[in-house]
């Protein structure tokens, strides 16, 4: 008997599926969003996580993180980036002036 996943299935509404299909086919969308949309569509279609990783030439942990995030927060939230730790970037007036002078 083949391995059966204990992870719950991802149920997509028609609008969510349409949104993911649109993003997965977009040429001007960020690649990471396109890749995540494809992961979620494949998972919703019933493919296993290792098979999805193989098809998209990525790693199993990456697919697991995306699917877990979609199951917890929803498919749209799974396409975005999480807040990272650390100090937020600050552009000082001196640095801004330097960038402007460099651009000119």
C-alpha atoms as a PDB file:
ATOM      1  CA  UNK A   1       0.000   0.000   0.000  1.00  0.00           C
ATOM      2  CA  UNK A   2       1.447   3.428  -0.946  1.00  0.00           C
ATOM      3  CA  UNK A   3       2.139   6.078   1.651  1.00  0.00           C
ATOM      4  CA  UNK A   4      -0.904   8.135   2.633  1.00  0.00           C
ATOM      5  CA  UNK A   5      -0.325  11.687   3.815  1.00  0.00           C
ATOM      6  CA  UNK A   6      -1.705  12.652   7.225  1.00  0.00           C
ATOM      7  CA  UNK A   7      -1.862  16.287   6.121  1.00  0.00           C
ATOM      8  CA  UNK A   8      -5.339  17.581   5.391  1.00  0.00           C
ATOM      9  CA  UNK A   9      -6.420  18.324   1.831  1.00  0.00           C
ATOM     10  CA  UNK A  10      -6.439  21.868   0.485  1.00  0.00           C
ATOM     11  CA  UNK A  11      -9.940  22.896  -0.532  1.00  0.00           C
ATOM     12  CA  UNK A  12      -9.970  25.777  -3.016  1.00  0.00           C
ATOM     13  CA  UNK A  13     -12.984  27.843  -3.912  1.00  0.00           C
ATOM     14  CA  UNK A  14     -13.588  28.685  -7.558  1.00  0.00           C
ATOM     15  CA  UNK A  15     -12.289  32.226  -7.086  1.00  0.00           C
ATOM     16  CA  UNK A  16      -9.161  31.004  -5.255  1.00  0.00           C
ATOM     17  CA  UNK A  17      -8.462  28.439  -7.988  1.00  0.00           C
ATOM     18  CA  UNK A  18      -8.930  31.088 -10.693  1.00  0.00           C
ATOM     19  CA  UNK A  19      -6.595  33.465  -8.850  1.00  0.00           C
ATOM     20  CA  UNK A  20      -3.924  30.759  -8.503  1.00  0.00           C
ATOM     21  CA  UNK A  21      -4.268  29.760 -12.164  1.00  0.00           C
ATOM     22  CA  UNK A  22      -3.912  33.377 -13.245  1.00  0.00           C
ATOM     23  CA  UNK A  23      -0.788  33.853 -11.115  1.00  0.00           C
ATOM     24  CA  UNK A  24       0.738  30.523 -12.197  1.00  0.00           C
ATOM     25  CA  UNK A  25       0.491  31.557 -15.859  1.00  0.00           C
ATOM     26  CA  UNK A  26       1.598  35.173 -15.443  1.00  0.00           C
ATOM     27  CA  UNK A  27       4.732  36.345 -17.210  1.00  0.00           C
ATOM     28  CA  UNK A  28       5.152  39.535 -15.204  1.00  0.00           C
ATOM     29  CA  UNK A  29       4.544  38.081 -11.717  1.00  0.00           C
ATOM     30  CA  UNK A  30       7.424  37.396  -9.298  1.00  0.00           C
ATOM     31  CA  UNK A  31       8.802  33.900  -9.869  1.00  0.00           C
ATOM     32  CA  UNK A  32       8.409  32.872  -6.223  1.00  0.00           C
ATOM     33  CA  UNK A  33       4.675  33.726  -6.336  1.00  0.00           C
ATOM     34  CA  UNK A  34       4.270  31.773  -9.594  1.00  0.00           C
ATOM     35  CA  UNK A  35       6.080  28.783  -8.094  1.00  0.00           C
ATOM     36  CA  UNK A  36       3.975  28.866  -4.908  1.00  0.00           C
ATOM     37  CA  UNK A  37       0.754  29.128  -6.924  1.00  0.00           C
ATOM     38  CA  UNK A  38       1.789  26.049  -8.916  1.00  0.00           C
ATOM     39  CA  UNK A  39       2.619  24.174  -5.709  1.00  0.00           C
ATOM     40  CA  UNK A  40      -0.814  24.905  -4.251  1.00  0.00           C
ATOM     41  CA  UNK A  41      -2.647  23.973  -7.444  1.00  0.00           C
ATOM     42  CA  UNK A  42      -0.810  20.651  -7.681  1.00  0.00           C
ATOM     43  CA  UNK A  43      -1.454  19.908  -4.007  1.00  0.00           C
ATOM     44  CA  UNK A  44      -5.158  20.751  -4.355  1.00  0.00           C
ATOM     45  CA  UNK A  45      -5.291  18.372  -7.333  1.00  0.00           C
ATOM     46  CA  UNK A  46      -4.096  15.562  -5.071  1.00  0.00           C
ATOM     47  CA  UNK A  47      -0.402  15.225  -5.965  1.00  0.00           C
ATOM     48  CA  UNK A  48       1.993  14.253  -3.200  1.00  0.00           C
ATOM     49  CA  UNK A  49       4.489  16.757  -1.839  1.00  0.00           C
ATOM     50  CA  UNK A  50       7.579  14.837  -3.070  1.00  0.00           C
ATOM     51  CA  UNK A  51       6.028  14.574  -6.537  1.00  0.00           C
ATOM     52  CA  UNK A  52       5.307  18.325  -6.592  1.00  0.00           C
ATOM     53  CA  UNK A  53       8.905  19.063  -5.539  1.00  0.00           C
ATOM     54  CA  UNK A  54      10.181  16.816  -8.329  1.00  0.00           C
ATOM     55  CA  UNK A  55       7.909  18.380 -10.957  1.00  0.00           C
ATOM     56  CA  UNK A  56       8.874  21.940 -10.032  1.00  0.00           C
ATOM     57  CA  UNK A  57      12.576  21.134  -9.467  1.00  0.00           C
ATOM     58  CA  UNK A  58      12.511  22.358  -5.884  1.00  0.00           C
ATOM     59  CA  UNK A  59      12.857  20.844  -2.413  1.00  0.00           C
ATOM     60  CA  UNK A  60      10.321  18.960  -0.315  1.00  0.00           C
ATOM     61  CA  UNK A  61      10.709  21.287   2.721  1.00  0.00           C
ATOM     62  CA  UNK A  62       9.946  24.294   0.518  1.00  0.00           C
ATOM     63  CA  UNK A  63       6.726  22.687  -0.738  1.00  0.00           C
ATOM     64  CA  UNK A  64       5.829  21.627   2.820  1.00  0.00           C
ATOM     65  CA  UNK A  65       6.223  25.205   4.099  1.00  0.00           C
ATOM     66  CA  UNK A  66       4.033  26.577   1.313  1.00  0.00           C
ATOM     67  CA  UNK A  67       1.294  23.965   1.816  1.00  0.00           C
ATOM     68  CA  UNK A  68       1.354  24.333   5.610  1.00  0.00           C
ATOM     69  CA  UNK A  69       1.055  28.096   5.289  1.00  0.00           C
ATOM     70  CA  UNK A  70      -1.881  27.714   2.873  1.00  0.00           C
ATOM     71  CA  UNK A  71      -3.650  25.285   5.200  1.00  0.00           C
ATOM     72  CA  UNK A  72      -3.151  27.614   8.159  1.00  0.00           C
ATOM     73  CA  UNK A  73      -3.676  31.075   6.630  1.00  0.00           C
ATOM     74  CA  UNK A  74      -5.262  30.468   3.237  1.00  0.00           C
ATOM     75  CA  UNK A  75      -3.904  30.251  -0.299  1.00  0.00           C
ATOM     76  CA  UNK A  76      -3.549  33.993  -0.862  1.00  0.00           C
ATOM     77  CA  UNK A  77      -1.454  34.440   2.281  1.00  0.00           C
ATOM     78  CA  UNK A  78       0.752  31.507   1.250  1.00  0.00           C
ATOM     79  CA  UNK A  79       1.867  33.409  -1.842  1.00  0.00           C
ATOM     80  CA  UNK A  80       3.351  36.281   0.169  1.00  0.00           C
ATOM     81  CA  UNK A  81       6.421  36.661   2.291  1.00  0.00           C
ATOM     82  CA  UNK A  82       6.403  36.466   6.072  1.00  0.00           C
ATOM     83  CA  UNK A  83       7.764  39.273   8.219  1.00  0.00           C
ATOM     84  CA  UNK A  84      11.438  38.701   8.886  1.00  0.00           C
ATOM     85  CA  UNK A  85      13.276  39.490  12.078  1.00  0.00           C
ATOM     86  CA  UNK A  86      15.832  42.238  12.340  1.00  0.00           C
ATOM     87  CA  UNK A  87      15.997  45.951  12.188  1.00  0.00           C
ATOM     88  CA  UNK A  88      13.980  47.576   9.391  1.00  0.00           C
ATOM     89  CA  UNK A  89      16.060  49.368   6.752  1.00  0.00           C
ATOM     90  CA  UNK A  90      16.440  53.107   7.235  1.00  0.00           C
ATOM     91  CA  UNK A  91      17.525  55.545   4.529  1.00  0.00           C
ATOM     92  CA  UNK A  92      19.226  58.562   6.039  1.00  0.00           C
ATOM     93  CA  UNK A  93      19.079  61.975   4.316  1.00  0.00           C
ATOM     94  CA  UNK A  94      22.834  61.689   3.569  1.00  0.00           C
ATOM     95  CA  UNK A  95      22.376  58.301   1.903  1.00  0.00           C
ATOM     96  CA  UNK A  96      19.390  59.599  -0.048  1.00  0.00           C
ATOM     97  CA  UNK A  97      21.417  62.586  -1.285  1.00  0.00           C
ATOM     98  CA  UNK A  98      24.279  60.274  -2.283  1.00  0.00           C
ATOM     99  CA  UNK A  99      21.904  58.025  -4.281  1.00  0.00           C
ATOM    100  CA  UNK A 100      20.370  61.027  -6.046  1.00  0.00           C
ATOM    101  CA  UNK A 101      23.787  62.448  -6.919  1.00  0.00           C
ATOM    102  CA  UNK A 102      24.890  59.022  -8.133  1.00  0.00           C
ATOM    103  CA  UNK A 103      21.817  58.714 -10.357  1.00  0.00           C
ATOM    104  CA  UNK A 104      22.449  62.128 -11.920  1.00  0.00           C
END
